């Protein structure tokens, strides 16, 4: 395994690749590379049938974006693999990925919002504008407005299970909001307490005069 800078004309996509990025995500990847000039090196192998050429194992979407940006050379990690090993990696490298820890994701986005505006982040990150705007609004709420008084253990002696259905994107937004509240509170509170506090905050807002 070694890192090489390879002419983009020598890189061929593997015909059995099944991983394709949607247009919106590909556009964000393009903007990121345009602005930073950085990208994860592609994983390739020497082509078995065409001398001097290489076959892409991982990084097909990056290759398409780099071609669109008229890159002449590409950073690649070269592996010596046979067909069976290559197919195995095609089925794993392009699909395996970690999952965000919600608390860390919320803190990361909040820090980014201190140095980037929403328009910039919406173009670069997978999060949509609505999520970014809500996170920014929540980050500007004073904690005492959300948690006016300590929530005592006596108030939670009997756990109650709330039963309702929400869409996946709605669940992500709620989780980001709860993570933000938990992270900003100096004393330790549970996510349930954070949810109650968020509900109280919105209840007060709904009861406020509209000024009309």
Foldseek 3Di string as FASTA:
>chain_A
DDKDWAFLVQEDEDPPQDDDDDPLLLQLVLVVCVVPVDDDAWEWEQDPPDPPHIYTLGCPSVSVSCVVVVDGITIYDYDHDDPVVSVVSSVDVSPDDDDDDLLVVLVVLQVVVVPDPLVVCCSNDPDHSVLSVLSPVLLPDDLCLLDVDDDDVVVCPDPDDDDDDDDPVVVSSLSSSLSSSQVPDPDHDDSVVSVVSNVVNVVVVVPDDPPD
